[in-house]
All heavy atoms as atom14 arrays in JSON, in Angstrom:
{
  "sequence": "AAGSSLPKHIFNVTPNDFVATAMLAYQHQLQHNAVYRQYVQ",
  "atom14_mask": [
    [1, 1, 1, 1, 1, 0, 0, 0, 0, 0, 0, 0, 0, 0],
    [1, 1, 1, 1, 1, 0, 0, 0, 0, 0, 0, 0, 0, 0],
    [1, 1, 1, 1, 0, 0, 0, 0, 0, 0, 0, 0, 0, 0],
    [1, 1, 1, 1, 1, 1, 0, 0, 0, 0, 0, 0, 0, 0],
    [1, 1, 1, 1, 1, 1, 0, 0, 0, 0, 0, 0, 0, 0],
    [1, 1, 1, 1, 1, 1, 1, 1, 0, 0, 0, 0, 0, 0],
    [1, 1, 1, 1, 1, 1, 1, 0, 0, 0, 0, 0, 0, 0],
    [1, 1, 1, 1, 1, 1, 1, 1, 1, 0, 0, 0, 0, 0],
    [1, 1, 1, 1, 1, 1, 1, 1, 1, 1, 0, 0, 0, 0],
    [1, 1, 1, 1, 1, 1, 1, 1, 0, 0, 0, 0, 0, 0],
    [1, 1, 1, 1, 1, 1, 1, 1, 1, 1, 1, 0, 0, 0],
    [1, 1, 1, 1, 1, 1, 1, 1, 0, 0, 0, 0, 0, 0],
    [1, 1, 1, 1, 1, 1, 1, 0, 0, 0, 0, 0, 0, 0],
    [1, 1, 1, 1, 1, 1, 1, 0, 0, 0, 0, 0, 0, 0],
    [1, 1, 1, 1, 1, 1, 1, 0, 0, 0, 0, 0, 0, 0],
    [1, 1, 1, 1, 1, 1, 1, 1, 0, 0, 0, 0, 0, 0],
    [1, 1, 1, 1, 1, 1, 1, 1, 0, 0, 0, 0, 0, 0],
    [1, 1, 1, 1, 1, 1, 1, 1, 1, 1, 1, 0, 0, 0],
    [1, 1, 1, 1, 1, 1, 1, 0, 0, 0, 0, 0, 0, 0],
    [1, 1, 1, 1, 1, 0, 0, 0, 0, 0, 0, 0, 0, 0],
    [1, 1, 1, 1, 1, 1, 1, 0, 0, 0, 0, 0, 0, 0],
    [1, 1, 1, 1, 1, 0, 0, 0, 0, 0, 0, 0, 0, 0],
    [1, 1, 1, 1, 1, 1, 1, 1, 0, 0, 0, 0, 0, 0],
    [1, 1, 1, 1, 1, 1, 1, 1, 0, 0, 0, 0, 0, 0],
    [1, 1, 1, 1, 1, 0, 0, 0, 0, 0, 0, 0, 0, 0],
    [1, 1, 1, 1, 1, 1, 1, 1, 1, 1, 1, 1, 0, 0],
    [1, 1, 1, 1, 1, 1, 1, 1, 1, 0, 0, 0, 0, 0],
    [1, 1, 1, 1, 1, 1, 1, 1, 1, 1, 0, 0, 0, 0],
    [1, 1, 1, 1, 1, 1, 1, 1, 1, 0, 0, 0, 0, 0],
    [1, 1, 1, 1, 1, 1, 1, 1, 0, 0, 0, 0, 0, 0],
    [1, 1, 1, 1, 1, 1, 1, 1, 1, 0, 0, 0, 0, 0],
    [1, 1, 1, 1, 1, 1, 1, 1, 1, 1, 0, 0, 0, 0],
    [1, 1, 1, 1, 1, 1, 1, 1, 0, 0, 0, 0, 0, 0],
    [1, 1, 1, 1, 1, 0, 0, 0, 0, 0, 0, 0, 0, 0],
    [1, 1, 1, 1, 1, 1, 1, 0, 0, 0, 0, 0, 0, 0],
    [1, 1, 1, 1, 1, 1, 1, 1, 1, 1, 1, 1, 0, 0],
    [1, 1, 1, 1, 1, 1, 1, 1, 1, 1, 1, 0, 0, 0],
    [1, 1, 1, 1, 1, 1, 1, 1, 1, 0, 0, 0, 0, 0],
    [1, 1, 1, 1, 1, 1, 1, 1, 1, 1, 1, 1, 0, 0],
    [1, 1, 1, 1, 1, 1, 1, 0, 0, 0, 0, 0, 0, 0],
    [1, 1, 1, 1, 1, 1, 1, 1, 1, 0, 0, 0, 0, 0]
  ],
  "atom14_positions": [
    [[81.28, -15.07, -152.93], [82.27, -14.51, -153.84], [82.26, -15.15, -155.21], [82.73, -14.55, -156.17], [83.66, -14.66, -153.22], [0.0, 0.0, 0.0], [0.0, 0.0, 0.0], [0.0, 0.0, 0.0], [0.0, 0.0, 0.0], [0.0, 0.0, 0.0], [0.0, 0.0, 0.0], [0.0, 0.0, 0.0], [0.0, 0.0, 0.0], [0.0, 0.0, 0.0]],
    [[81.74, -16.36, -155.32], [81.86, -17.05, -156.6], [80.61, -17.84, -156.91], [79.84, -18.19, -156.03], [83.07, -17.99, -156.56], [0.0, 0.0, 0.0], [0.0, 0.0, 0.0], [0.0, 0.0, 0.0], [0.0, 0.0, 0.0], [0.0, 0.0, 0.0], [0.0, 0.0, 0.0], [0.0, 0.0, 0.0], [0.0, 0.0, 0.0], [0.0, 0.0, 0.0]],
    [[80.41, -18.12, -158.2], [79.25, -18.87, -158.61], [79.17, -20.24, -157.97], [78.1, -20.75, -157.7], [0.0, 0.0, 0.0], [0.0, 0.0, 0.0], [0.0, 0.0, 0.0], [0.0, 0.0, 0.0], [0.0, 0.0, 0.0], [0.0, 0.0, 0.0], [0.0, 0.0, 0.0], [0.0, 0.0, 0.0], [0.0, 0.0, 0.0], [0.0, 0.0, 0.0]],
    [[80.34, -20.85, -157.7], [80.35, -22.18, -157.11], [79.75, -22.2, -155.72], [79.31, -23.24, -155.24], [81.79, -22.72, -157.06], [82.6, -21.87, -156.27], [0.0, 0.0, 0.0], [0.0, 0.0, 0.0], [0.0, 0.0, 0.0], [0.0, 0.0, 0.0], [0.0, 0.0, 0.0], [0.0, 0.0, 0.0], [0.0, 0.0, 0.0], [0.0, 0.0, 0.0]],
    [[79.75, -21.07, -155.01], [79.21, -21.02, -153.66], [77.75, -20.59, -153.63], [77.13, -20.63, -152.58], [80.03, -20.06, -152.79], [80.0, -18.75, -153.34], [0.0, 0.0, 0.0], [0.0, 0.0, 0.0], [0.0, 0.0, 0.0], [0.0, 0.0, 0.0], [0.0, 0.0, 0.0], [0.0, 0.0, 0.0], [0.0, 0.0, 0.0], [0.0, 0.0, 0.0]],
    [[77.21, -20.22, -154.79], [75.82, -19.78, -154.82], [74.84, -20.82, -154.32], [73.96, -20.5, -153.49], [75.44, -19.34, -156.24], [75.75, -17.89, -156.61], [75.54, -17.7, -158.1], [74.88, -16.94, -155.83], [0.0, 0.0, 0.0], [0.0, 0.0, 0.0], [0.0, 0.0, 0.0], [0.0, 0.0, 0.0], [0.0, 0.0, 0.0], [0.0, 0.0, 0.0]],
    [[74.88, -22.08, -154.77], [73.89, -23.05, -154.31], [73.85, -23.2, -152.79], [72.78, -23.41, -152.22], [74.33, -24.35, -154.98], [75.04, -23.9, -156.22], [75.76, -22.65, -155.8], [0.0, 0.0, 0.0], [0.0, 0.0, 0.0], [0.0, 0.0, 0.0], [0.0, 0.0, 0.0], [0.0, 0.0, 0.0], [0.0, 0.0, 0.0], [0.0, 0.0, 0.0]],
    [[74.99, -23.09, -152.12], [75.02, -23.23, -150.67], [74.35, -22.05, -149.98], [73.86, -22.17, -148.86], [76.48, -23.34, -150.2], [77.21, -24.55, -150.75], [78.66, -24.56, -150.28], [79.42, -25.73, -150.89], [80.85, -25.72, -150.48], [0.0, 0.0, 0.0], [0.0, 0.0, 0.0], [0.0, 0.0, 0.0], [0.0, 0.0, 0.0], [0.0, 0.0, 0.0]],
    [[74.32, -20.91, -150.66], [73.81, -19.69, -150.06], [72.33, -19.48, -150.32], [71.63, -18.84, -149.52], [74.6, -18.5, -150.61], [74.09, -17.16, -150.15], [74.28, -16.69, -148.87], [73.38, -16.21, -150.8], [73.72, -15.5, -148.76], [73.16, -15.18, -149.91], [0.0, 0.0, 0.0], [0.0, 0.0, 0.0], [0.0, 0.0, 0.0], [0.0, 0.0, 0.0]],
    [[71.82, -20.02, -151.4], [70.48, -19.69, -151.9], [69.4, -19.85, -150.86], [68.56, -18.95, -150.67], [70.16, -20.55, -153.15], [70.88, -19.95, -154.37], [68.66, -20.65, -153.41], [70.9, -20.86, -155.57], [0.0, 0.0, 0.0], [0.0, 0.0, 0.0], [0.0, 0.0, 0.0], [0.0, 0.0, 0.0], [0.0, 0.0, 0.0], [0.0, 0.0, 0.0]],
    [[69.36, -20.97, -150.14], [68.24, -21.24, -149.24], [68.39, -20.55, -147.9], [67.51, -20.67, -147.04], [68.07, -22.75, -149.07], [67.77, -23.44, -150.38], [68.72, -24.27, -150.98], [66.58, -23.22, -151.05], [68.46, -24.89, -152.19], [66.31, -23.83, -152.27], [67.26, -24.66, -152.84], [0.0, 0.0, 0.0], [0.0, 0.0, 0.0], [0.0, 0.0, 0.0]],
    [[69.48, -19.82, -147.72], [69.66, -18.99, -146.53], [69.6, -17.51, -146.87], [69.94, -16.66, -146.04], [71.0, -19.3, -145.86], [71.07, -20.73, -145.35], [70.12, -21.22, -144.74], [72.18, -21.41, -145.6], [0.0, 0.0, 0.0], [0.0, 0.0, 0.0], [0.0, 0.0, 0.0], [0.0, 0.0, 0.0], [0.0, 0.0, 0.0], [0.0, 0.0, 0.0]],
    [[69.17, -17.17, -148.08], [69.16, -15.78, -148.5], [68.18, -14.98, -147.65], [67.13, -15.49, -147.22], [68.8, -15.68, -150.0], [67.35, -16.03, -150.26], [69.15, -14.31, -150.57], [0.0, 0.0, 0.0], [0.0, 0.0, 0.0], [0.0, 0.0, 0.0], [0.0, 0.0, 0.0], [0.0, 0.0, 0.0], [0.0, 0.0, 0.0], [0.0, 0.0, 0.0]],
    [[68.52, -13.75, -147.36], [67.66, -12.85, -146.58], [67.19, -11.72, -147.48], [67.77, -11.48, -148.55], [68.43, -12.26, -145.39], [69.44, -11.36, -145.88], [69.08, -13.36, -144.55], [0.0, 0.0, 0.0], [0.0, 0.0, 0.0], [0.0, 0.0, 0.0], [0.0, 0.0, 0.0], [0.0, 0.0, 0.0], [0.0, 0.0, 0.0], [0.0, 0.0, 0.0]],
    [[66.15, -11.0, -147.07], [65.71, -9.86, -147.88], [66.82, -8.86, -148.13], [66.87, -8.22, -149.19], [64.59, -9.25, -147.03], [64.04, -10.4, -146.24], [65.23, -11.25, -145.92], [0.0, 0.0, 0.0], [0.0, 0.0, 0.0], [0.0, 0.0, 0.0], [0.0, 0.0, 0.0], [0.0, 0.0, 0.0], [0.0, 0.0, 0.0], [0.0, 0.0, 0.0]],
    [[67.74, -8.73, -147.19], [68.82, -7.74, -147.33], [69.84, -8.13, -148.39], [70.47, -7.26, -149.0], [69.54, -7.54, -145.99], [68.68, -6.82, -144.97], [67.77, -6.07, -145.35], [68.94, -7.04, -143.7], [0.0, 0.0, 0.0], [0.0, 0.0, 0.0], [0.0, 0.0, 0.0], [0.0, 0.0, 0.0], [0.0, 0.0, 0.0], [0.0, 0.0, 0.0]],
    [[70.03, -9.44, -148.62], [71.03, -9.83, -149.61], [70.41, -10.51, -150.84], [71.13, -11.05, -151.67], [72.13, -10.72, -148.99], [71.61, -12.02, -148.41], [70.46, -12.4, -148.69], [72.37, -12.66, -147.66], [0.0, 0.0, 0.0], [0.0, 0.0, 0.0], [0.0, 0.0, 0.0], [0.0, 0.0, 0.0], [0.0, 0.0, 0.0], [0.0, 0.0, 0.0]],
    [[69.08, -10.47, -150.97], [68.44, -11.12, -152.11], [68.9, -10.48, -153.42], [69.25, -11.19, -154.37], [66.92, -11.05, -152.01], [66.22, -11.77, -153.13], [65.87, -13.1, -153.01], [65.92, -11.12, -154.32], [65.24, -13.78, -154.05], [65.29, -11.78, -155.38], [64.95, -13.12, -155.23], [0.0, 0.0, 0.0], [0.0, 0.0, 0.0], [0.0, 0.0, 0.0]],
    [[68.89, -9.17, -153.5], [69.23, -8.5, -154.75], [70.68, -8.8, -155.14], [70.97, -9.13, -156.3], [69.01, -6.98, -154.64], [69.54, -6.27, -155.89], [67.53, -6.66, -154.46], [0.0, 0.0, 0.0], [0.0, 0.0, 0.0], [0.0, 0.0, 0.0], [0.0, 0.0, 0.0], [0.0, 0.0, 0.0], [0.0, 0.0, 0.0], [0.0, 0.0, 0.0]],
    [[71.6, -8.72, -154.18], [73.01, -9.0, -154.47], [73.19, -10.44, -154.93], [73.97, -10.72, -155.86], [73.87, -8.72, -153.24], [0.0, 0.0, 0.0], [0.0, 0.0, 0.0], [0.0, 0.0, 0.0], [0.0, 0.0, 0.0], [0.0, 0.0, 0.0], [0.0, 0.0, 0.0], [0.0, 0.0, 0.0], [0.0, 0.0, 0.0], [0.0, 0.0, 0.0]],
    [[72.46, -11.38, -154.32], [72.55, -12.78, -154.72], [71.99, -12.97, -156.13], [72.56, -13.72, -156.94], [71.8, -13.67, -153.72], [72.3, -13.44, -152.4], [71.97, -15.15, -154.07], [0.0, 0.0, 0.0], [0.0, 0.0, 0.0], [0.0, 0.0, 0.0], [0.0, 0.0, 0.0], [0.0, 0.0, 0.0], [0.0, 0.0, 0.0], [0.0, 0.0, 0.0]],
    [[70.89, -12.29, -156.42], [70.3, -12.39, -157.76], [71.26, -11.84, -158.81], [71.34, -12.38, -159.93], [68.97, -11.63, -157.79], [0.0, 0.0, 0.0], [0.0, 0.0, 0.0], [0.0, 0.0, 0.0], [0.0, 0.0, 0.0], [0.0, 0.0, 0.0], [0.0, 0.0, 0.0], [0.0, 0.0, 0.0], [0.0, 0.0, 0.0], [0.0, 0.0, 0.0]],
    [[71.98, -10.78, -158.49], [72.95, -10.21, -159.43], [74.1, -11.2, -159.69], [74.58, -11.33, -160.82], [73.5, -8.89, -158.9], [72.47, -7.79, -158.8], [71.73, -7.38, -160.41], [70.61, -6.06, -159.94], [0.0, 0.0, 0.0], [0.0, 0.0, 0.0], [0.0, 0.0, 0.0], [0.0, 0.0, 0.0], [0.0, 0.0, 0.0], [0.0, 0.0, 0.0]],
    [[74.53, -11.88, -158.64], [75.56, -12.91, -158.81], [75.04, -14.06, -159.68], [75.76, -14.59, -160.54], [76.01, -13.45, -157.45], [76.9, -12.54, -156.61], [77.09, -13.14, -155.22], [78.26, -12.33, -157.28], [0.0, 0.0, 0.0], [0.0, 0.0, 0.0], [0.0, 0.0, 0.0], [0.0, 0.0, 0.0], [0.0, 0.0, 0.0], [0.0, 0.0, 0.0]],
    [[73.79, -14.42, -159.45], [73.18, -15.48, -160.26], [73.1, -15.06, -161.72], [73.32, -15.87, -162.63], [71.79, -15.82, -159.72], [0.0, 0.0, 0.0], [0.0, 0.0, 0.0], [0.0, 0.0, 0.0], [0.0, 0.0, 0.0], [0.0, 0.0, 0.0], [0.0, 0.0, 0.0], [0.0, 0.0, 0.0], [0.0, 0.0, 0.0], [0.0, 0.0, 0.0]],
    [[72.77, -13.8, -161.95], [72.7, -13.28, -163.32], [74.06, -13.39, -164.02], [74.15, -13.89, -165.15], [72.22, -11.83, -163.3], [72.28, -11.14, -164.64], [71.44, -11.53, -165.68], [73.18, -10.1, -164.86], [71.5, -10.9, -166.91], [73.24, -9.46, -166.09], [72.39, -9.86, -167.11], [72.46, -9.24, -168.34], [0.0, 0.0, 0.0], [0.0, 0.0, 0.0]],
    [[75.1, -12.95, -163.35], [76.44, -13.02, -163.95], [76.86, -14.48, -164.16], [77.46, -14.83, -165.18], [77.45, -12.3, -163.05], [77.22, -10.8, -162.95], [77.33, -10.1, -164.3], [78.07, -10.55, -165.19], [76.59, -9.0, -164.46], [0.0, 0.0, 0.0], [0.0, 0.0, 0.0], [0.0, 0.0, 0.0], [0.0, 0.0, 0.0], [0.0, 0.0, 0.0]],
    [[76.54, -15.33, -163.2], [76.88, -16.74, -163.3], [76.2, -17.37, -164.52], [76.82, -18.13, -165.28], [76.47, -17.46, -162.03], [76.65, -18.94, -162.07], [77.88, -19.56, -161.92], [75.76, -19.95, -162.24], [77.74, -20.86, -162.01], [76.47, -21.13, -162.21], [0.0, 0.0, 0.0], [0.0, 0.0, 0.0], [0.0, 0.0, 0.0], [0.0, 0.0, 0.0]],
    [[74.93, -17.05, -164.73], [74.2, -17.68, -165.83], [74.54, -17.06, -167.18], [74.5, -17.75, -168.2], [72.7, -17.65, -165.54], [72.4, -18.54, -164.33], [70.93, -18.76, -164.09], [70.1, -17.89, -164.3], [70.6, -19.96, -163.61], [0.0, 0.0, 0.0], [0.0, 0.0, 0.0], [0.0, 0.0, 0.0], [0.0, 0.0, 0.0], [0.0, 0.0, 0.0]],
    [[74.91, -15.79, -167.19], [75.43, -15.22, -168.44], [76.67, -15.97, -168.89], [76.87, -16.21, -170.08], [75.78, -13.75, -168.24], [74.73, -12.68, -168.55], [75.38, -11.3, -168.51], [74.07, -12.89, -169.91], [0.0, 0.0, 0.0], [0.0, 0.0, 0.0], [0.0, 0.0, 0.0], [0.0, 0.0, 0.0], [0.0, 0.0, 0.0], [0.0, 0.0, 0.0]],
    [[77.48, -16.37, -167.92], [78.74, -17.04, -168.24], [78.54, -18.51, -168.6], [79.18, -19.03, -169.51], [79.7, -16.94, -167.06], [81.05, -17.6, -167.3], [81.98, -17.45, -166.11], [81.66, -16.76, -165.14], [83.14, -18.09, -166.18], [0.0, 0.0, 0.0], [0.0, 0.0, 0.0], [0.0, 0.0, 0.0], [0.0, 0.0, 0.0], [0.0, 0.0, 0.0]],
    [[77.6, -19.19, -167.93], [77.52, -20.65, -168.04], [76.3, -21.16, -168.8], [76.24, -22.36, -169.1], [77.53, -21.27, -166.64], [78.8, -21.02, -165.9], [79.97, -21.71, -166.17], [79.11, -20.15, -164.89], [80.93, -21.29, -165.36], [80.43, -20.34, -164.58], [0.0, 0.0, 0.0], [0.0, 0.0, 0.0], [0.0, 0.0, 0.0], [0.0, 0.0, 0.0]],
    [[75.33, -20.31, -169.08], [74.12, -20.75, -169.78], [74.12, -20.17, -171.19], [73.79, -18.99, -171.39], [72.87, -20.3, -169.0], [71.58, -20.86, -169.58], [71.46, -21.03, -170.79], [70.61, -21.12, -168.72], [0.0, 0.0, 0.0], [0.0, 0.0, 0.0], [0.0, 0.0, 0.0], [0.0, 0.0, 0.0], [0.0, 0.0, 0.0], [0.0, 0.0, 0.0]],
    [[74.49, -20.98, -172.17], [74.63, -20.49, -173.54], [73.3, -20.0, -174.12], [73.27, -19.01, -174.86], [75.19, -21.61, -174.42], [0.0, 0.0, 0.0], [0.0, 0.0, 0.0], [0.0, 0.0, 0.0], [0.0, 0.0, 0.0], [0.0, 0.0, 0.0], [0.0, 0.0, 0.0], [0.0, 0.0, 0.0], [0.0, 0.0, 0.0], [0.0, 0.0, 0.0]],
    [[72.2, -20.66, -173.78], [70.89, -20.25, -174.29], [70.51, -18.89, -173.74], [70.07, -18.01, -174.48], [69.82, -21.31, -173.94], [68.43, -20.81, -174.3], [70.12, -22.62, -174.64], [0.0, 0.0, 0.0], [0.0, 0.0, 0.0], [0.0, 0.0, 0.0], [0.0, 0.0, 0.0], [0.0, 0.0, 0.0], [0.0, 0.0, 0.0], [0.0, 0.0, 0.0]],
    [[70.68, -18.72, -172.45], [70.34, -17.44, -171.82], [71.25, -16.33, -172.34], [70.79, -15.21, -172.64], [70.44, -17.55, -170.3], [70.03, -16.3, -169.56], [68.74, -15.79, -169.67], [70.94, -15.62, -168.74], [68.36, -14.65, -168.98], [70.57, -14.49, -168.04], [69.28, -14.01, -168.17], [68.92, -12.87, -167.48], [0.0, 0.0, 0.0], [0.0, 0.0, 0.0]],
    [[72.54, -16.62, -172.45], [73.48, -15.61, -172.94], [73.11, -15.17, -174.36], [73.09, -13.97, -174.67], [74.91, -16.16, -172.91], [75.95, -15.16, -173.41], [77.36, -15.67, -173.16], [77.64, -16.92, -173.88], [77.78, -18.11, -173.27], [77.64, -18.22, -171.97], [78.05, -19.19, -173.99], [0.0, 0.0, 0.0], [0.0, 0.0, 0.0], [0.0, 0.0, 0.0]],
    [[72.78, -16.13, -175.22], [72.42, -15.78, -176.59], [71.14, -14.96, -176.62], [71.01, -14.02, -177.42], [72.25, -17.05, -177.42], [71.96, -16.78, -178.88], [71.91, -18.05, -179.72], [72.07, -19.14, -179.2], [71.68, -17.9, -181.01], [0.0, 0.0, 0.0], [0.0, 0.0, 0.0], [0.0, 0.0, 0.0], [0.0, 0.0, 0.0], [0.0, 0.0, 0.0]],
    [[70.2, -15.29, -175.74], [68.95, -14.52, -175.68], [69.24, -13.07, -175.27], [68.74, -12.12, -175.88], [67.97, -15.16, -174.7], [66.73, -14.33, -174.47], [65.74, -14.22, -175.45], [66.56, -13.62, -173.28], [64.61, -13.45, -175.24], [65.43, -12.84, -173.06], [64.46, -12.76, -174.05], [63.35, -11.98, -173.85], [0.0, 0.0, 0.0], [0.0, 0.0, 0.0]],
    [[70.07, -12.9, -174.24], [70.4, -11.55, -173.76], [71.14, -10.77, -174.85], [70.9, -9.56, -175.04], [71.25, -11.64, -172.47], [71.75, -10.26, -172.06], [70.43, -12.25, -171.34], [0.0, 0.0, 0.0], [0.0, 0.0, 0.0], [0.0, 0.0, 0.0], [0.0, 0.0, 0.0], [0.0, 0.0, 0.0], [0.0, 0.0, 0.0], [0.0, 0.0, 0.0]],
    [[72.0, -11.43, -175.58], [72.69, -10.78, -176.69], [71.72, -10.39, -177.8], [71.81, -9.29, -178.37], [73.78, -11.69, -177.24], [74.96, -11.9, -176.31], [75.92, -12.97, -176.8], [75.53, -13.87, -177.55], [77.17, -12.9, -176.35], [0.0, 0.0, 0.0], [0.0, 0.0, 0.0], [0.0, 0.0, 0.0], [0.0, 0.0, 0.0], [0.0, 0.0, 0.0]]
  ]
}
């Protein structure tokens, strides 16, 4: 549900939830990675 729980989930990711996890990672890094956010903008 939240970016804080992503690291715990990453190494147990399955093919069925890989895309959803990647989308959460994308939103998390847009919010917390200033370099990446500026590049996307």
